[in-house]
């Protein structure tokens, strides 16, 4: 993490249960984020999970809730995994690229998807 930006290089970062506030979220290629319990993340700008990155991979998607007010891009790039829920009501593009997978839910103003989305049945309960 640098300043108010959350950036993970090609290593692993663990977020303990809690509430986090970031300007941007950027997982570089090969970056991994694990969570140890329920995590709520508020982000004011773009979210980019690059190719081959993992956010809470194989974890409980109901333990990650990401809220962003960006009017820009929310991206889950090719070959990456995201387990959690994303709420981005103002985003201009919500991109889940080919060969990527999202388990949980997403809500945004726009959506362009060529990857796989698996809805979490317990979302919102």
N, C-alpha and C. Protein backbone atom coordinates (compact mmCIF):
# COMPACT_ATOMS: atom_id res chain seq x y z
N UNK A 1 0.85 -1.17 0.00
CA UNK A 1 0.00 0.00 0.00
C UNK A 1 0.89 1.24 0.00
N UNK A 2 0.53 2.20 -0.81
CA UNK A 2 1.26 3.47 -0.83
C UNK A 2 0.26 4.60 -0.77
N UNK A 3 0.40 5.46 0.23
CA UNK A 3 -0.59 6.53 0.39
C UNK A 3 -1.97 5.94 0.55
N UNK A 4 -2.90 6.44 -0.25
CA UNK A 4 -4.26 5.91 -0.22
C UNK A 4 -4.53 4.95 -1.36
N UNK A 5 -3.46 4.53 -2.06
CA UNK A 5 -3.61 3.57 -3.15
C UNK A 5 -3.25 2.18 -2.64
N UNK A 6 -4.03 1.19 -3.04
CA UNK A 6 -3.76 -0.20 -2.69
C UNK A 6 -3.19 -0.85 -3.92
N UNK A 7 -1.89 -1.17 -3.88
CA UNK A 7 -1.21 -1.75 -5.03
C UNK A 7 -0.45 -2.98 -4.58
N UNK A 8 -0.68 -4.10 -5.27
CA UNK A 8 -0.01 -5.36 -4.95
C UNK A 8 0.76 -5.80 -6.18
N UNK A 9 2.09 -5.92 -6.02
CA UNK A 9 2.93 -6.42 -7.11
C UNK A 9 2.74 -7.93 -7.22
N UNK A 10 3.69 -8.62 -7.79
CA UNK A 10 3.56 -10.07 -7.98
C UNK A 10 3.92 -10.81 -6.69
N UNK A 11 3.26 -10.43 -5.61
CA UNK A 11 3.44 -11.10 -4.32
C UNK A 11 2.07 -11.27 -3.68
N UNK A 12 2.05 -11.65 -2.41
CA UNK A 12 0.79 -11.90 -1.70
C UNK A 12 0.62 -10.90 -0.57
N UNK A 13 -0.57 -10.34 -0.47
CA UNK A 13 -0.92 -9.41 0.60
C UNK A 13 -2.14 -9.98 1.32
N UNK A 14 -2.15 -9.85 2.64
CA UNK A 14 -3.29 -10.32 3.42
C UNK A 14 -3.98 -9.14 4.08
N UNK A 15 -5.29 -9.05 3.89
CA UNK A 15 -6.10 -8.04 4.55
C UNK A 15 -6.82 -8.69 5.73
N UNK A 16 -6.57 -8.16 6.92
CA UNK A 16 -7.30 -8.65 8.09
C UNK A 16 -8.74 -8.15 8.03
N UNK A 17 -9.62 -8.80 8.74
CA UNK A 17 -11.02 -8.39 8.78
C UNK A 17 -11.10 -6.92 9.18
N UNK A 18 -11.95 -6.16 8.49
CA UNK A 18 -12.10 -4.75 8.82
C UNK A 18 -12.60 -3.94 7.65
N UNK A 19 -12.56 -2.63 7.81
CA UNK A 19 -13.01 -1.68 6.78
C UNK A 19 -11.80 -0.91 6.28
N UNK A 20 -11.69 -0.78 4.96
CA UNK A 20 -10.55 -0.13 4.32
C UNK A 20 -11.04 0.96 3.38
N UNK A 21 -10.23 2.02 3.26
CA UNK A 21 -10.53 3.15 2.38
C UNK A 21 -9.33 3.38 1.47
N UNK A 22 -9.56 3.31 0.14
CA UNK A 22 -8.50 3.51 -0.83
C UNK A 22 -8.97 4.45 -1.93
N UNK A 23 -7.99 5.10 -2.59
CA UNK A 23 -8.31 5.86 -3.80
C UNK A 23 -8.40 4.91 -4.99
N UNK A 24 -7.38 4.05 -5.17
CA UNK A 24 -7.36 3.08 -6.26
C UNK A 24 -7.01 1.70 -5.73
N UNK A 25 -7.40 0.68 -6.49
CA UNK A 25 -7.02 -0.70 -6.19
C UNK A 25 -6.37 -1.25 -7.45
N UNK A 26 -5.13 -1.71 -7.32
CA UNK A 26 -4.37 -2.18 -8.46
C UNK A 26 -3.60 -3.44 -8.10
N UNK A 27 -4.06 -4.58 -8.59
CA UNK A 27 -3.33 -5.83 -8.44
C UNK A 27 -2.57 -6.06 -9.73
N UNK A 28 -1.24 -5.96 -9.67
CA UNK A 28 -0.42 -6.20 -10.85
C UNK A 28 -0.42 -7.68 -11.18
N UNK A 29 -0.01 -7.99 -12.39
CA UNK A 29 -0.01 -9.37 -12.87
C UNK A 29 0.66 -10.30 -11.86
N UNK A 30 -0.06 -11.32 -11.44
CA UNK A 30 0.46 -12.29 -10.49
C UNK A 30 0.26 -11.91 -9.04
N UNK A 31 -0.31 -10.75 -8.76
CA UNK A 31 -0.56 -10.32 -7.38
C UNK A 31 -1.68 -11.12 -6.74
N UNK A 32 -1.59 -11.31 -5.43
CA UNK A 32 -2.61 -12.07 -4.71
C UNK A 32 -3.02 -11.33 -3.46
N UNK A 33 -4.33 -11.32 -3.20
CA UNK A 33 -4.86 -10.74 -1.97
C UNK A 33 -5.69 -11.82 -1.28
N UNK A 34 -5.35 -12.10 -0.04
CA UNK A 34 -6.12 -13.02 0.80
C UNK A 34 -6.79 -12.21 1.90
N UNK A 35 -7.91 -12.69 2.41
CA UNK A 35 -8.57 -12.02 3.52
C UNK A 35 -8.71 -13.01 4.67
N UNK A 36 -8.66 -12.48 5.93
CA UNK A 36 -8.76 -13.34 7.11
C UNK A 36 -10.13 -13.29 7.75
N UNK A 37 -11.04 -12.55 7.16
CA UNK A 37 -12.39 -12.41 7.69
C UNK A 37 -13.13 -11.39 6.87
N UNK A 38 -14.32 -10.99 7.30
CA UNK A 38 -15.10 -10.03 6.52
C UNK A 38 -14.34 -8.72 6.28
N UNK A 39 -14.32 -8.31 5.01
CA UNK A 39 -13.62 -7.10 4.59
C UNK A 39 -14.59 -6.23 3.79
N UNK A 40 -14.67 -4.96 4.16
CA UNK A 40 -15.43 -3.96 3.40
C UNK A 40 -14.43 -2.93 2.90
N UNK A 41 -14.45 -2.70 1.58
CA UNK A 41 -13.50 -1.77 0.97
C UNK A 41 -14.27 -0.67 0.27
N UNK A 42 -13.91 0.58 0.58
CA UNK A 42 -14.46 1.75 -0.11
C UNK A 42 -13.34 2.33 -0.97
N UNK A 43 -13.63 2.53 -2.25
CA UNK A 43 -12.63 3.01 -3.20
C UNK A 43 -13.24 4.17 -3.99
N UNK A 44 -12.47 5.26 -4.13
CA UNK A 44 -13.01 6.44 -4.82
C UNK A 44 -12.64 6.52 -6.30
N UNK A 45 -11.78 5.62 -6.76
CA UNK A 45 -11.36 5.68 -8.16
C UNK A 45 -11.34 4.27 -8.75
N UNK A 46 -10.53 4.04 -9.76
CA UNK A 46 -10.57 2.81 -10.55
C UNK A 46 -10.09 1.59 -9.77
N UNK A 47 -10.53 0.43 -10.30
CA UNK A 47 -10.16 -0.88 -9.76
C UNK A 47 -9.64 -1.69 -10.94
N UNK A 48 -8.41 -2.23 -10.80
CA UNK A 48 -7.81 -3.02 -11.88
C UNK A 48 -7.15 -4.26 -11.29
N UNK A 49 -7.70 -5.42 -11.63
CA UNK A 49 -7.12 -6.70 -11.25
C UNK A 49 -6.51 -7.27 -12.53
N UNK A 50 -5.17 -7.14 -12.66
CA UNK A 50 -4.49 -7.52 -13.91
C UNK A 50 -4.47 -9.03 -14.13
N UNK A 51 -4.06 -9.40 -15.32
CA UNK A 51 -3.98 -10.80 -15.74
C UNK A 51 -3.24 -11.65 -14.73
N UNK A 52 -3.81 -12.80 -14.42
CA UNK A 52 -3.17 -13.75 -13.54
C UNK A 52 -3.20 -13.40 -12.06
N UNK A 53 -3.96 -12.38 -11.68
CA UNK A 53 -4.04 -11.97 -10.28
C UNK A 53 -5.21 -12.68 -9.59
N UNK A 54 -5.15 -12.71 -8.26
CA UNK A 54 -6.19 -13.39 -7.49
C UNK A 54 -6.59 -12.52 -6.31
N UNK A 55 -7.89 -12.27 -6.18
CA UNK A 55 -8.42 -11.53 -5.03
C UNK A 55 -9.35 -12.46 -4.29
N UNK A 56 -8.92 -12.90 -3.11
CA UNK A 56 -9.72 -13.81 -2.27
C UNK A 56 -10.04 -15.11 -3.01
N UNK A 57 -9.11 -15.58 -3.84
CA UNK A 57 -9.34 -16.77 -4.66
C UNK A 57 -9.69 -17.97 -3.79
N UNK A 58 -10.80 -18.60 -4.10
CA UNK A 58 -11.36 -19.77 -3.43
C UNK A 58 -11.81 -19.48 -2.00
N UNK A 59 -11.80 -18.18 -1.62
CA UNK A 59 -12.33 -17.80 -0.32
C UNK A 59 -13.84 -17.61 -0.39
N UNK A 60 -14.43 -17.25 0.71
CA UNK A 60 -15.86 -17.00 0.78
C UNK A 60 -16.16 -15.64 0.14
N UNK A 61 -16.89 -15.61 -0.97
CA UNK A 61 -17.16 -14.33 -1.62
C UNK A 61 -17.94 -13.36 -0.74
N UNK A 62 -18.69 -13.88 0.23
CA UNK A 62 -19.46 -13.00 1.11
C UNK A 62 -18.58 -12.30 2.15
N UNK A 63 -17.28 -12.57 2.15
CA UNK A 63 -16.37 -11.89 3.05
C UNK A 63 -15.70 -10.68 2.41
N UNK A 64 -15.98 -10.41 1.13
CA UNK A 64 -15.39 -9.25 0.45
C UNK A 64 -16.50 -8.41 -0.19
N UNK A 65 -16.60 -7.16 0.26
CA UNK A 65 -17.57 -6.21 -0.28
C UNK A 65 -16.81 -4.97 -0.69
N UNK A 66 -16.76 -4.71 -2.00
CA UNK A 66 -16.01 -3.58 -2.54
C UNK A 66 -17.01 -2.57 -3.12
N UNK A 67 -16.96 -1.36 -2.61
CA UNK A 67 -17.81 -0.27 -3.08
C UNK A 67 -16.92 0.79 -3.70
N UNK A 68 -17.18 1.17 -4.95
CA UNK A 68 -16.38 2.21 -5.59
C UNK A 68 -17.28 3.26 -6.21
N UNK A 69 -16.84 4.51 -6.12
CA UNK A 69 -17.60 5.62 -6.70
C UNK A 69 -17.00 6.08 -8.02
N UNK A 70 -16.06 5.31 -8.57
CA UNK A 70 -15.40 5.71 -9.81
C UNK A 70 -16.40 5.89 -10.96
N UNK A 71 -16.10 6.85 -11.81
CA UNK A 71 -16.86 6.97 -13.06
C UNK A 71 -16.04 6.36 -14.19
N UNK A 72 -14.91 5.76 -13.84
CA UNK A 72 -14.01 5.13 -14.81
C UNK A 72 -14.22 3.62 -14.87
N UNK A 73 -13.12 2.91 -15.00
CA UNK A 73 -13.11 1.48 -15.29
C UNK A 73 -13.00 0.63 -14.02
N UNK A 74 -13.76 -0.46 -14.00
CA UNK A 74 -13.56 -1.55 -13.06
C UNK A 74 -13.23 -2.76 -13.91
N UNK A 75 -12.04 -3.34 -13.70
CA UNK A 75 -11.56 -4.38 -14.61
C UNK A 75 -11.04 -5.60 -13.88
N UNK A 76 -11.54 -6.77 -14.30
CA UNK A 76 -11.02 -8.07 -13.87
C UNK A 76 -10.45 -8.68 -15.15
N UNK A 77 -9.11 -8.61 -15.31
CA UNK A 77 -8.49 -8.94 -16.59
C UNK A 77 -8.29 -10.44 -16.80
N UNK A 78 -7.91 -10.80 -18.00
CA UNK A 78 -7.78 -12.18 -18.45
C UNK A 78 -6.97 -13.05 -17.49
N UNK A 79 -7.53 -14.20 -17.17
CA UNK A 79 -6.84 -15.17 -16.33
C UNK A 79 -6.83 -14.84 -14.85
N UNK A 80 -7.58 -13.84 -14.43
CA UNK A 80 -7.60 -13.48 -13.01
C UNK A 80 -8.86 -14.01 -12.34
N UNK A 81 -8.82 -14.00 -10.99
CA UNK A 81 -9.93 -14.51 -10.19
C UNK A 81 -10.31 -13.46 -9.16
N UNK A 82 -11.63 -13.26 -8.96
CA UNK A 82 -12.12 -12.35 -7.93
C UNK A 82 -13.27 -13.03 -7.22
N UNK A 83 -13.12 -13.23 -5.91
CA UNK A 83 -14.18 -13.82 -5.09
C UNK A 83 -14.69 -12.73 -4.16
N UNK A 84 -15.85 -12.18 -4.46
CA UNK A 84 -16.42 -11.13 -3.64
C UNK A 84 -17.52 -10.40 -4.40
N UNK A 85 -17.95 -9.30 -3.84
CA UNK A 85 -19.03 -8.50 -4.41
C UNK A 85 -18.51 -7.10 -4.72
N UNK A 86 -18.89 -6.59 -5.88
CA UNK A 86 -18.47 -5.25 -6.29
C UNK A 86 -19.70 -4.42 -6.61
N UNK A 87 -19.76 -3.25 -6.00
CA UNK A 87 -20.84 -2.30 -6.26
C UNK A 87 -20.20 -1.04 -6.83
N UNK A 88 -20.48 -0.73 -8.10
CA UNK A 88 -19.87 0.40 -8.80
C UNK A 88 -20.94 1.12 -9.63
N UNK A 89 -21.82 1.86 -8.99
CA UNK A 89 -22.98 2.42 -9.68
C UNK A 89 -22.65 3.49 -10.72
N UNK A 90 -21.45 4.09 -10.66
CA UNK A 90 -21.11 5.17 -11.59
C UNK A 90 -20.08 4.79 -12.63
N UNK A 91 -19.62 3.54 -12.64
CA UNK A 91 -18.51 3.18 -13.54
C UNK A 91 -18.95 3.26 -15.00
N UNK A 92 -17.99 3.68 -15.84
CA UNK A 92 -18.28 3.78 -17.27
C UNK A 92 -18.16 2.42 -17.96
N UNK A 93 -17.35 1.53 -17.38
CA UNK A 93 -17.19 0.19 -17.94
C UNK A 93 -16.82 -0.79 -16.84
N UNK A 94 -17.52 -1.91 -16.81
CA UNK A 94 -17.23 -3.00 -15.89
C UNK A 94 -16.79 -4.15 -16.77
N UNK A 95 -15.49 -4.45 -16.78
CA UNK A 95 -14.94 -5.41 -17.72
C UNK A 95 -14.45 -6.66 -17.01
N UNK A 96 -15.03 -7.78 -17.35
CA UNK A 96 -14.53 -9.08 -16.91
C UNK A 96 -14.07 -9.79 -18.17
N UNK A 97 -12.75 -9.84 -18.35
CA UNK A 97 -12.16 -10.33 -19.60
C UNK A 97 -12.23 -11.84 -19.72
N UNK A 98 -11.92 -12.32 -20.94
CA UNK A 98 -11.94 -13.76 -21.20
C UNK A 98 -10.96 -14.49 -20.29
N UNK A 99 -11.29 -15.71 -19.98
CA UNK A 99 -10.48 -16.59 -19.13
C UNK A 99 -10.35 -16.07 -17.70
N UNK A 100 -11.15 -15.10 -17.32
CA UNK A 100 -11.17 -14.65 -15.93
C UNK A 100 -12.45 -15.16 -15.29
N UNK A 101 -12.48 -15.11 -13.97
CA UNK A 101 -13.65 -15.63 -13.28
C UNK A 101 -13.96 -14.76 -12.07
N UNK A 102 -15.24 -14.51 -11.86
CA UNK A 102 -15.70 -13.77 -10.70
C UNK A 102 -16.76 -14.61 -10.01
N UNK A 103 -16.59 -14.81 -8.71
CA UNK A 103 -17.56 -15.53 -7.90
C UNK A 103 -18.09 -14.54 -6.89
N UNK A 104 -19.37 -14.26 -6.93
CA UNK A 104 -19.98 -13.26 -6.06
C UNK A 104 -21.05 -12.52 -6.83
N UNK A 105 -20.98 -11.19 -6.81
CA UNK A 105 -21.95 -10.40 -7.56
C UNK A 105 -21.31 -9.08 -7.96
N UNK A 106 -21.92 -8.45 -8.95
CA UNK A 106 -21.47 -7.13 -9.36
C UNK A 106 -22.68 -6.29 -9.72
N UNK A 107 -22.56 -5.01 -9.46
CA UNK A 107 -23.60 -4.08 -9.87
C UNK A 107 -22.89 -2.82 -10.33
N UNK A 108 -23.20 -2.39 -11.54
CA UNK A 108 -22.57 -1.20 -12.08
C UNK A 108 -23.45 -0.55 -13.12
N UNK A 109 -23.08 0.66 -13.49
CA UNK A 109 -23.84 1.40 -14.49
C UNK A 109 -23.66 0.80 -15.87
N UNK A 110 -22.49 0.18 -16.11
CA UNK A 110 -22.20 -0.41 -17.42
C UNK A 110 -21.57 -1.76 -17.20
N UNK A 111 -21.69 -2.64 -18.21
CA UNK A 111 -21.07 -3.95 -18.09
C UNK A 111 -20.68 -4.46 -19.47
N UNK A 112 -19.45 -4.92 -19.57
CA UNK A 112 -18.97 -5.61 -20.77
C UNK A 112 -18.25 -6.85 -20.27
N UNK A 113 -18.77 -8.01 -20.60
CA UNK A 113 -18.26 -9.23 -20.01
C UNK A 113 -17.99 -10.28 -21.07
N UNK A 114 -16.80 -10.89 -21.00
CA UNK A 114 -16.53 -12.06 -21.82
C UNK A 114 -15.98 -13.19 -20.96
N UNK A 115 -15.82 -12.94 -19.65
CA UNK A 115 -15.36 -13.96 -18.72
C UNK A 115 -16.53 -14.70 -18.11
N UNK A 116 -16.30 -15.36 -17.00
CA UNK A 116 -17.31 -16.17 -16.33
C UNK A 116 -17.67 -15.54 -14.99
N UNK A 117 -18.97 -15.41 -14.73
CA UNK A 117 -19.45 -14.90 -13.46
C UNK A 117 -20.29 -15.98 -12.80
N UNK A 118 -19.94 -16.31 -11.56
CA UNK A 118 -20.72 -17.27 -10.77
C UNK A 118 -21.37 -16.48 -9.66
N UNK A 119 -22.67 -16.46 -9.63
CA UNK A 119 -23.40 -15.70 -8.61
C UNK A 119 -23.35 -16.41 -7.28
N UNK A 120 -23.11 -15.66 -6.23
CA UNK A 120 -23.12 -16.20 -4.88
C UNK A 120 -24.56 -16.22 -4.39
N UNK A 121 -25.07 -17.37 -4.04
CA UNK A 121 -26.46 -17.50 -3.64
C UNK A 121 -26.77 -16.85 -2.30
N UNK A 122 -25.74 -16.62 -1.49
CA UNK A 122 -25.99 -16.04 -0.17
C UNK A 122 -25.81 -14.54 -0.16
N UNK A 123 -25.53 -13.93 -1.31
CA UNK A 123 -25.32 -12.47 -1.36
C UNK A 123 -26.54 -11.74 -0.84
N UNK A 124 -26.27 -10.80 0.04
CA UNK A 124 -27.34 -9.98 0.55
C UNK A 124 -28.11 -10.58 1.70
N UNK A 125 -27.65 -11.71 2.21
CA UNK A 125 -28.34 -12.31 3.34
C UNK A 125 -27.60 -12.07 4.61
